[in-house]
Amino acid sequence: MSLGCYSSAVEIFERLELWEELALCYIATDRRAKAKHLIQKQLDTHATPTLLCLMGDITQVHIILCVSCHGNYHLFNVSCLSILVNVSI
């Protein structure tokens, strides 16, 4: 996709306040610092699984996100993955 398409998408996503999509555009155009700032700002107000995954992608800190039936988010380090898999079997 050409850079012009991403520029247009950035403008649209900003206007519509589609933050996750905006962050993806920043990542796709190698503006990771800008994406990280945007994601952190959004995480401070409302964390979503997608925002957490995008932050993990940018920072290379990979996490496992489990959502309980009550809607609470529980974050686990990747090293806990085998424990979680064994418990859920």
PDB file of N, CA and C in Angstrom:
ATOM      1  N   MET A   1       0.857  -1.170   0.000  1.00  0.00           N
ATOM      2  CA  MET A   1       0.000   0.000   0.000  1.00  0.00           C
ATOM      3  C   MET A   1       0.902   1.231   0.000  1.00  0.00           C
ATOM      4  N   SER A   2       0.523   2.225  -0.729  1.00  0.00           N
ATOM      5  CA  SER A   2       1.362   3.413  -0.821  1.00  0.00           C
ATOM      6  C   SER A   2       1.235   4.276   0.429  1.00  0.00           C
ATOM      7  N   LEU A   3       2.236   5.108   0.631  1.00  0.00           N
ATOM      8  CA  LEU A   3       2.259   5.985   1.805  1.00  0.00           C
ATOM      9  C   LEU A   3       1.074   6.938   1.800  1.00  0.00           C
ATOM     10  N   GLY A   4       0.610   7.342   0.632  1.00  0.00           N
ATOM     11  CA  GLY A   4      -0.538   8.243   0.533  1.00  0.00           C
ATOM     12  C   GLY A   4      -1.800   7.634   1.108  1.00  0.00           C
ATOM     13  N   CYS A   5      -1.968   6.334   0.892  1.00  0.00           N
ATOM     14  CA  CYS A   5      -3.135   5.642   1.452  1.00  0.00           C
ATOM     15  C   CYS A   5      -3.089   5.646   2.972  1.00  0.00           C
ATOM     16  N   TYR A   6      -1.898   5.414   3.527  1.00  0.00           N
ATOM     17  CA  TYR A   6      -1.760   5.429   4.980  1.00  0.00           C
ATOM     18  C   TYR A   6      -2.009   6.827   5.532  1.00  0.00           C
ATOM     19  N   SER A   7      -1.547   7.854   4.837  1.00  0.00           N
ATOM     20  CA  SER A   7      -1.768   9.226   5.289  1.00  0.00           C
ATOM     21  C   SER A   7      -3.256   9.544   5.336  1.00  0.00           C
ATOM     22  N   SER A   8      -3.968   9.117   4.313  1.00  0.00           N
ATOM     23  CA  SER A   8      -5.413   9.319   4.293  1.00  0.00           C
ATOM     24  C   SER A   8      -6.087   8.547   5.420  1.00  0.00           C
ATOM     25  N   ALA A   9      -5.641   7.310   5.650  1.00  0.00           N
ATOM     26  CA  ALA A   9      -6.213   6.491   6.719  1.00  0.00           C
ATOM     27  C   ALA A   9      -5.964   7.127   8.080  1.00  0.00           C
ATOM     28  N   VAL A  10      -4.766   7.672   8.281  1.00  0.00           N
ATOM     29  CA  VAL A  10      -4.437   8.333   9.550  1.00  0.00           C
ATOM     30  C   VAL A  10      -5.411   9.476   9.813  1.00  0.00           C
ATOM     31  N   GLU A  11      -5.652  10.293   8.814  1.00  0.00           N
ATOM     32  CA  GLU A  11      -6.580  11.418   8.976  1.00  0.00           C
ATOM     33  C   GLU A  11      -7.982  10.939   9.329  1.00  0.00           C
ATOM     34  N   ILE A  12      -8.441   9.912   8.639  1.00  0.00           N
ATOM     35  CA  ILE A  12      -9.783   9.378   8.896  1.00  0.00           C
ATOM     36  C   ILE A  12      -9.876   8.782  10.297  1.00  0.00           C
ATOM     37  N   PHE A  13      -8.891   7.961  10.665  1.00  0.00           N
ATOM     38  CA  PHE A  13      -8.923   7.316  11.974  1.00  0.00           C
ATOM     39  C   PHE A  13      -8.823   8.334  13.107  1.00  0.00           C
ATOM     40  N   GLU A  14      -8.039   9.391  12.921  1.00  0.00           N
ATOM     41  CA  GLU A  14      -7.968  10.449  13.935  1.00  0.00           C
ATOM     42  C   GLU A  14      -9.322  11.120  14.094  1.00  0.00           C
ATOM     43  N   ARG A  15      -9.945  11.458  12.974  1.00  0.00           N
ATOM     44  CA  ARG A  15     -11.229  12.148  13.017  1.00  0.00           C
ATOM     45  C   ARG A  15     -12.304  11.277  13.674  1.00  0.00           C
ATOM     46  N   LEU A  16     -12.287   9.970  13.387  1.00  0.00           N
ATOM     47  CA  LEU A  16     -13.280   9.056  13.940  1.00  0.00           C
ATOM     48  C   LEU A  16     -12.886   8.501  15.310  1.00  0.00           C
ATOM     49  N   GLU A  17     -11.705   8.872  15.781  1.00  0.00           N
ATOM     50  CA  GLU A  17     -11.168   8.409  17.060  1.00  0.00           C
ATOM     51  C   GLU A  17     -11.095   6.878  17.133  1.00  0.00           C
ATOM     52  N   LEU A  18     -10.631   6.290  16.047  1.00  0.00           N
ATOM     53  CA  LEU A  18     -10.395   4.851  15.984  1.00  0.00           C
ATOM     54  C   LEU A  18      -8.922   4.609  16.313  1.00  0.00           C
ATOM     55  N   TRP A  19      -8.629   4.591  17.593  1.00  0.00           N
ATOM     56  CA  TRP A  19      -7.242   4.616  18.081  1.00  0.00           C
ATOM     57  C   TRP A  19      -6.471   3.363  17.729  1.00  0.00           C
ATOM     58  N   GLU A  20      -7.098   2.205  17.823  1.00  0.00           N
ATOM     59  CA  GLU A  20      -6.387   0.967  17.511  1.00  0.00           C
ATOM     60  C   GLU A  20      -5.963   0.939  16.038  1.00  0.00           C
ATOM     61  N   GLU A  21      -6.868   1.338  15.173  1.00  0.00           N
ATOM     62  CA  GLU A  21      -6.561   1.370  13.750  1.00  0.00           C
ATOM     63  C   GLU A  21      -5.499   2.416  13.437  1.00  0.00           C
ATOM     64  N   LEU A  22      -5.573   3.546  14.143  1.00  0.00           N
ATOM     65  CA  LEU A  22      -4.572   4.597  13.965  1.00  0.00           C
ATOM     66  C   LEU A  22      -3.191   4.089  14.369  1.00  0.00           C
ATOM     67  N   ALA A  23      -3.126   3.393  15.484  1.00  0.00           N
ATOM     68  CA  ALA A  23      -1.850   2.830  15.936  1.00  0.00           C
ATOM     69  C   ALA A  23      -1.299   1.845  14.912  1.00  0.00           C
ATOM     70  N   LEU A  24      -2.175   1.033  14.322  1.00  0.00           N
ATOM     71  CA  LEU A  24      -1.727   0.091  13.284  1.00  0.00           C
ATOM     72  C   LEU A  24      -1.148   0.824  12.081  1.00  0.00           C
ATOM     73  N   CYS A  25      -1.746   1.954  11.716  1.00  0.00           N
ATOM     74  CA  CYS A  25      -1.203   2.753  10.603  1.00  0.00           C
ATOM     75  C   CYS A  25       0.184   3.287  10.956  1.00  0.00           C
ATOM     76  N   TYR A  26       0.342   3.770  12.175  1.00  0.00           N
ATOM     77  CA  TYR A  26       1.646   4.269  12.603  1.00  0.00           C
ATOM     78  C   TYR A  26       2.689   3.151  12.551  1.00  0.00           C
ATOM     79  N   ILE A  27       2.309   1.965  13.002  1.00  0.00           N
ATOM     80  CA  ILE A  27       3.239   0.831  12.983  1.00  0.00           C
ATOM     81  C   ILE A  27       3.594   0.472  11.543  1.00  0.00           C
ATOM     82  N   ALA A  28       2.603   0.455  10.672  1.00  0.00           N
ATOM     83  CA  ALA A  28       2.827   0.088   9.267  1.00  0.00           C
ATOM     84  C   ALA A  28       3.729   1.076   8.550  1.00  0.00           C
ATOM     85  N   THR A  29       3.728   2.329   8.998  1.00  0.00           N
ATOM     86  CA  THR A  29       4.570   3.352   8.368  1.00  0.00           C
ATOM     87  C   THR A  29       5.839   3.611   9.171  1.00  0.00           C
ATOM     88  N   ASP A  30       6.177   2.654  10.035  1.00  0.00           N
ATOM     89  CA  ASP A  30       7.413   2.695  10.825  1.00  0.00           C
ATOM     90  C   ASP A  30       7.493   3.924  11.735  1.00  0.00           C
ATOM     91  N   ARG A  31       6.362   4.332  12.273  1.00  0.00           N
ATOM     92  CA  ARG A  31       6.326   5.411  13.260  1.00  0.00           C
ATOM     93  C   ARG A  31       5.963   4.814  14.611  1.00  0.00           C
ATOM     94  N   ARG A  32       6.811   3.880  15.057  1.00  0.00           N
ATOM     95  CA  ARG A  32       6.543   3.134  16.280  1.00  0.00           C
ATOM     96  C   ARG A  32       6.526   4.009  17.533  1.00  0.00           C
ATOM     97  N   ALA A  33       7.363   5.019  17.593  1.00  0.00           N
ATOM     98  CA  ALA A  33       7.373   5.900  18.768  1.00  0.00           C
ATOM     99  C   ALA A  33       6.034   6.624  18.893  1.00  0.00           C
ATOM    100  N   LYS A  34       5.502   7.072  17.781  1.00  0.00           N
ATOM    101  CA  LYS A  34       4.215   7.746  17.786  1.00  0.00           C
ATOM    102  C   LYS A  34       3.104   6.765  18.163  1.00  0.00           C
ATOM    103  N   ALA A  35       3.186   5.543  17.639  1.00  0.00           N
ATOM    104  CA  ALA A  35       2.203   4.515  17.983  1.00  0.00           C
ATOM    105  C   ALA A  35       2.264   4.187  19.471  1.00  0.00           C
ATOM    106  N   LYS A  36       3.476   4.059  20.004  1.00  0.00           N
ATOM    107  CA  LYS A  36       3.637   3.731  21.418  1.00  0.00           C
ATOM    108  C   LYS A  36       3.037   4.824  22.290  1.00  0.00           C
ATOM    109  N   HIS A  37       3.280   6.075  21.954  1.00  0.00           N
ATOM    110  CA  HIS A  37       2.720   7.193  22.724  1.00  0.00           C
ATOM    111  C   HIS A  37       1.188   7.161  22.683  1.00  0.00           C
ATOM    112  N   LEU A  38       0.625   6.949  21.500  1.00  0.00           N
ATOM    113  CA  LEU A  38      -0.829   6.893  21.345  1.00  0.00           C
ATOM    114  C   LEU A  38      -1.415   5.739  22.152  1.00  0.00           C
ATOM    115  N   ILE A  39      -0.806   4.569  22.051  1.00  0.00           N
ATOM    116  CA  ILE A  39      -1.312   3.398  22.756  1.00  0.00           C
ATOM    117  C   ILE A  39      -1.241   3.602  24.260  1.00  0.00           C
ATOM    118  N   GLN A  40      -0.111   4.135  24.753  1.00  0.00           N
ATOM    119  CA  GLN A  40       0.027   4.366  26.190  1.00  0.00           C
ATOM    120  C   GLN A  40      -1.028   5.342  26.694  1.00  0.00           C
ATOM    121  N   LYS A  41      -1.283   6.377  25.918  1.00  0.00           N
ATOM    122  CA  LYS A  41      -2.309   7.365  26.285  1.00  0.00           C
ATOM    123  C   LYS A  41      -3.681   6.697  26.374  1.00  0.00           C
ATOM    124  N   GLN A  42      -3.983   5.820  25.431  1.00  0.00           N
ATOM    125  CA  GLN A  42      -5.268   5.122  25.450  1.00  0.00           C
ATOM    126  C   GLN A  42      -5.337   4.087  26.566  1.00  0.00           C
ATOM    127  N   LEU A  43      -4.224   3.410  26.844  1.00  0.00           N
ATOM    128  CA  LEU A  43      -4.202   2.422  27.932  1.00  0.00           C
ATOM    129  C   LEU A  43      -4.432   3.088  29.287  1.00  0.00           C
ATOM    130  N   ASP A  44      -4.017   4.335  29.413  1.00  0.00           N
ATOM    131  CA  ASP A  44      -4.226   5.053  30.674  1.00  0.00           C
ATOM    132  C   ASP A  44      -5.704   5.301  30.944  1.00  0.00           C
ATOM    133  N   THR A  45      -6.510   5.397  29.887  1.00  0.00           N
ATOM    134  CA  THR A  45      -7.938   5.667  30.080  1.00  0.00           C
ATOM    135  C   THR A  45      -8.794   4.410  29.984  1.00  0.00           C
ATOM    136  N   HIS A  46      -8.476   3.525  29.045  1.00  0.00           N
ATOM    137  CA  HIS A  46      -9.234   2.268  28.924  1.00  0.00           C
ATOM    138  C   HIS A  46      -8.406   1.233  28.172  1.00  0.00           C
ATOM    139  N   ALA A  47      -8.055   0.198  28.888  1.00  0.00           N
ATOM    140  CA  ALA A  47      -7.260  -0.870  28.290  1.00  0.00           C
ATOM    141  C   ALA A  47      -8.167  -1.833  27.542  1.00  0.00           C
ATOM    142  N   THR A  48      -7.776  -2.171  26.342  1.00  0.00           N
ATOM    143  CA  THR A  48      -8.480  -3.195  25.577  1.00  0.00           C
ATOM    144  C   THR A  48      -7.467  -4.279  25.215  1.00  0.00           C
ATOM    145  N   PRO A  49      -7.922  -5.482  24.962  1.00  0.00           N
ATOM    146  CA  PRO A  49      -6.984  -6.539  24.565  1.00  0.00           C
ATOM    147  C   PRO A  49      -6.153  -6.164  23.341  1.00  0.00           C
ATOM    148  N   THR A  50      -6.765  -5.508  22.374  1.00  0.00           N
ATOM    149  CA  THR A  50      -6.030  -5.131  21.164  1.00  0.00           C
ATOM    150  C   THR A  50      -4.938  -4.127  21.477  1.00  0.00           C
ATOM    151  N   LEU A  51      -5.248  -3.124  22.293  1.00  0.00           N
ATOM    152  CA  LEU A  51      -4.228  -2.134  22.662  1.00  0.00           C
ATOM    153  C   LEU A  51      -3.083  -2.785  23.418  1.00  0.00           C
ATOM    154  N   LEU A  52      -3.403  -3.713  24.313  1.00  0.00           N
ATOM    155  CA  LEU A  52      -2.354  -4.405  25.065  1.00  0.00           C
ATOM    156  C   LEU A  52      -1.470  -5.231  24.132  1.00  0.00           C
ATOM    157  N   CYS A  53      -2.073  -5.889  23.160  1.00  0.00           N
ATOM    158  CA  CYS A  53      -1.292  -6.677  22.203  1.00  0.00           C
ATOM    159  C   CYS A  53      -0.427  -5.785  21.323  1.00  0.00           C
ATOM    160  N   LEU A  54      -0.969  -4.647  20.908  1.00  0.00           N
ATOM    161  CA  LEU A  54      -0.179  -3.718  20.102  1.00  0.00           C
ATOM    162  C   LEU A  54       1.014  -3.178  20.899  1.00  0.00           C
ATOM    163  N   MET A  55       0.784  -2.876  22.176  1.00  0.00           N
ATOM    164  CA  MET A  55       1.896  -2.402  23.014  1.00  0.00           C
ATOM    165  C   MET A  55       2.947  -3.486  23.152  1.00  0.00           C
ATOM    166  N   GLY A  56       2.508  -4.734  23.316  1.00  0.00           N
ATOM    167  CA  GLY A  56       3.454  -5.846  23.391  1.00  0.00           C
ATOM    168  C   GLY A  56       4.250  -5.998  22.120  1.00  0.00           C
ATOM    169  N   ASP A  57       3.602  -5.767  20.981  1.00  0.00           N
ATOM    170  CA  ASP A  57       4.294  -5.855  19.694  1.00  0.00           C
ATOM    171  C   ASP A  57       5.350  -4.766  19.564  1.00  0.00           C
ATOM    172  N   ILE A  58       5.017  -3.580  19.984  1.00  0.00           N
ATOM    173  CA  ILE A  58       5.942  -2.450  19.863  1.00  0.00           C
ATOM    174  C   ILE A  58       7.112  -2.588  20.833  1.00  0.00           C
ATOM    175  N   THR A  59       6.825  -2.972  22.068  1.00  0.00           N
ATOM    176  CA  THR A  59       7.862  -3.029  23.097  1.00  0.00           C
ATOM    177  C   THR A  59       8.579  -4.371  23.143  1.00  0.00           C
ATOM    178  N   GLN A  60       8.071  -5.355  22.387  1.00  0.00           N
ATOM    179  CA  GLN A  60       8.613  -6.713  22.404  1.00  0.00           C
ATOM    180  C   GLN A  60       8.485  -7.363  23.785  1.00  0.00           C
ATOM    181  N   VAL A  61       7.510  -6.906  24.568  1.00  0.00           N
ATOM    182  CA  VAL A  61       7.185  -7.524  25.848  1.00  0.00           C
ATOM    183  C   VAL A  61       5.888  -8.271  25.607  1.00  0.00           C
ATOM    184  N   HIS A  62       5.996  -9.567  25.429  1.00  0.00           N
ATOM    185  CA  HIS A  62       4.830 -10.354  25.072  1.00  0.00           C
ATOM    186  C   HIS A  62       4.137 -10.843  26.332  1.00  0.00           C
ATOM    187  N   ILE A  63       2.828 -10.700  26.338  1.00  0.00           N
ATOM    188  CA  ILE A  63       2.025 -11.077  27.483  1.00  0.00           C
ATOM    189  C   ILE A  63       0.908 -11.998  27.037  1.00  0.00           C
ATOM    190  N   ILE A  64       0.365 -12.691  27.989  1.00  0.00           N
ATOM    191  CA  ILE A  64      -0.823 -13.496  27.753  1.00  0.00           C
ATOM    192  C   ILE A  64      -1.965 -12.777  28.456  1.00  0.00           C
ATOM    193  N   LEU A  65      -3.043 -12.559  27.741  1.00  0.00           N
ATOM    194  CA  LEU A  65      -4.179 -11.848  28.298  1.00  0.00           C
ATOM    195  C   LEU A  65      -5.334 -12.817  28.435  1.00  0.00           C
ATOM    196  N   CYS A  66      -5.808 -12.961  29.647  1.00  0.00           N
ATOM    197  CA  CYS A  66      -6.972 -13.801  29.892  1.00  0.00           C
ATOM    198  C   CYS A  66      -8.100 -12.909  30.386  1.00  0.00           C
ATOM    199  N   VAL A  67      -9.269 -13.094  29.837  1.00  0.00           N
ATOM    200  CA  VAL A  67     -10.424 -12.307  30.241  1.00  0.00           C
ATOM    201  C   VAL A  67     -11.367 -13.237  30.989  1.00  0.00           C
ATOM    202  N   SER A  68     -11.644 -12.890  32.237  1.00  0.00           N
ATOM    203  CA  SER A  68     -12.542 -13.727  33.023  1.00  0.00           C
ATOM    204  C   SER A  68     -13.974 -13.500  32.575  1.00  0.00           C
ATOM    205  N   CYS A  69     -14.862 -14.332  33.063  1.00  0.00           N
ATOM    206  CA  CYS A  69     -16.268 -14.201  32.685  1.00  0.00           C
ATOM    207  C   CYS A  69     -16.869 -12.910  33.240  1.00  0.00           C
ATOM    208  N   HIS A  70     -16.203 -12.285  34.200  1.00  0.00           N
ATOM    209  CA  HIS A  70     -16.670 -11.016  34.751  1.00  0.00           C
ATOM    210  C   HIS A  70     -16.108  -9.828  33.993  1.00  0.00           C
ATOM    211  N   GLY A  71     -15.323 -10.085  32.950  1.00  0.00           N
ATOM    212  CA  GLY A  71     -14.771  -9.011  32.138  1.00  0.00           C
ATOM    213  C   GLY A  71     -13.488  -8.429  32.686  1.00  0.00           C
ATOM    214  N   ASN A  72     -12.927  -9.028  33.723  1.00  0.00           N
ATOM    215  CA  ASN A  72     -11.666  -8.537  34.274  1.00  0.00           C
ATOM    216  C   ASN A  72     -10.510  -9.068  33.452  1.00  0.00           C
ATOM    217  N   TYR A  73      -9.513  -8.213  33.264  1.00  0.00           N
ATOM    218  CA  TYR A  73      -8.331  -8.622  32.508  1.00  0.00           C
ATOM    219  C   TYR A  73      -7.276  -9.140  33.469  1.00  0.00           C
ATOM    220  N   HIS A  74      -6.675 -10.251  33.111  1.00  0.00           N
ATOM    221  CA  HIS A  74      -5.587 -10.801  33.897  1.00  0.00           C
ATOM    222  C   HIS A  74      -4.392 -10.967  32.963  1.00  0.00           C
ATOM    223  N   LEU A  75      -3.288 -10.352  33.298  1.00  0.00           N
ATOM    224  CA  LEU A  75      -2.096 -10.414  32.464  1.00  0.00           C
ATOM    225  C   LEU A  75      -1.118 -11.419  33.035  1.00  0.00           C
ATOM    226  N   PHE A  76      -0.530 -12.217  32.175  1.00  0.00           N
ATOM    227  CA  PHE A  76       0.446 -13.203  32.576  1.00  0.00           C
ATOM    228  C   PHE A  76       1.666 -13.071  31.688  1.00  0.00           C
ATOM    229  N   ASN A  77       2.806 -13.316  32.265  1.00  0.00           N
ATOM    230  CA  ASN A  77       4.030 -13.358  31.496  1.00  0.00           C
ATOM    231  C   ASN A  77       3.992 -14.569  30.576  1.00  0.00           C
ATOM    232  N   VAL A  78       4.662 -14.497  29.458  1.00  0.00           N
ATOM    233  CA  VAL A  78       4.679 -15.610  28.504  1.00  0.00           C
ATOM    234  C   VAL A  78       5.205 -16.880  29.158  1.00  0.00           C
ATOM    235  N   SER A  79       6.085 -16.763  30.131  1.00  0.00           N
ATOM    236  CA  SER A  79       6.639 -17.945  30.786  1.00  0.00           C
ATOM    237  C   SER A  79       5.564 -18.739  31.514  1.00  0.00           C
ATOM    238  N   CYS A  80       4.430 -18.128  31.790  1.00  0.00           N
ATOM    239  CA  CYS A  80       3.343 -18.824  32.467  1.00  0.00           C
ATOM    240  C   CYS A  80       2.447 -19.574  31.498  1.00  0.00           C
ATOM    241  N   LEU A  81       2.711 -19.472  30.214  1.00  0.00           N
ATOM    242  CA  LEU A  81       1.832 -20.064  29.209  1.00  0.00           C
ATOM    243  C   LEU A  81       1.649 -21.553  29.417  1.00  0.00           C
ATOM    244  N   SER A  82       2.721 -22.284  29.672  1.00  0.00           N
ATOM    245  CA  SER A  82       2.584 -23.740  29.811  1.00  0.00           C
ATOM    246  C   SER A  82       1.737 -24.083  31.033  1.00  0.00           C
ATOM    247  N   ILE A  83       1.849 -23.300  32.086  1.00  0.00           N
ATOM    248  CA  ILE A  83       1.031 -23.525  33.270  1.00  0.00           C
ATOM    249  C   ILE A  83      -0.438 -23.290  32.936  1.00  0.00           C
ATOM    250  N   LEU A  84      -0.720 -22.206  32.213  1.00  0.00           N
ATOM    251  CA  LEU A  84      -2.108 -21.902  31.847  1.00  0.00           C
ATOM    252  C   LEU A  84      -2.696 -22.969  30.954  1.00  0.00           C
ATOM    253  N   VAL A  85      -1.900 -23.469  30.018  1.00  0.00           N
ATOM    254  CA  VAL A  85      -2.385 -24.502  29.115  1.00  0.00           C
ATOM    255  C   VAL A  85      -2.696 -25.758  29.898  1.00  0.00           C
ATOM    256  N   ASN A  86      -1.832 -26.136  30.820  1.00  0.00           N
ATOM    257  CA  ASN A  86      -2.053 -27.347  31.604  1.00  0.00           C
ATOM    258  C   ASN A  86      -3.269 -27.214  32.511  1.00  0.00           C
ATOM    259  N   VAL A  87      -3.495 -26.030  33.058  1.00  0.00           N
ATOM    260  CA  VAL A  87      -4.629 -25.829  33.948  1.00  0.00           C
ATOM    261  C   VAL A  87      -5.935 -25.861  33.171  1.00  0.00           C
ATOM    262  N   SER A  88      -5.942 -25.340  31.955  1.00  0.00           N
ATOM    263  CA  SER A  88      -7.188 -25.263  31.205  1.00  0.00           C
ATOM    264  C   SER A  88      -7.580 -26.582  30.544  1.00  0.00           C
ATOM    265  N   ILE A  89      -6.717 -27.576  30.570  1.00  0.00           N
ATOM    266  CA  ILE A  89      -7.033 -28.870  29.928  1.00  0.00           C
ATOM    267  C   ILE A  89      -7.974 -29.667  30.792  1.00  0.00           C
TER     268      ILE A  89
END
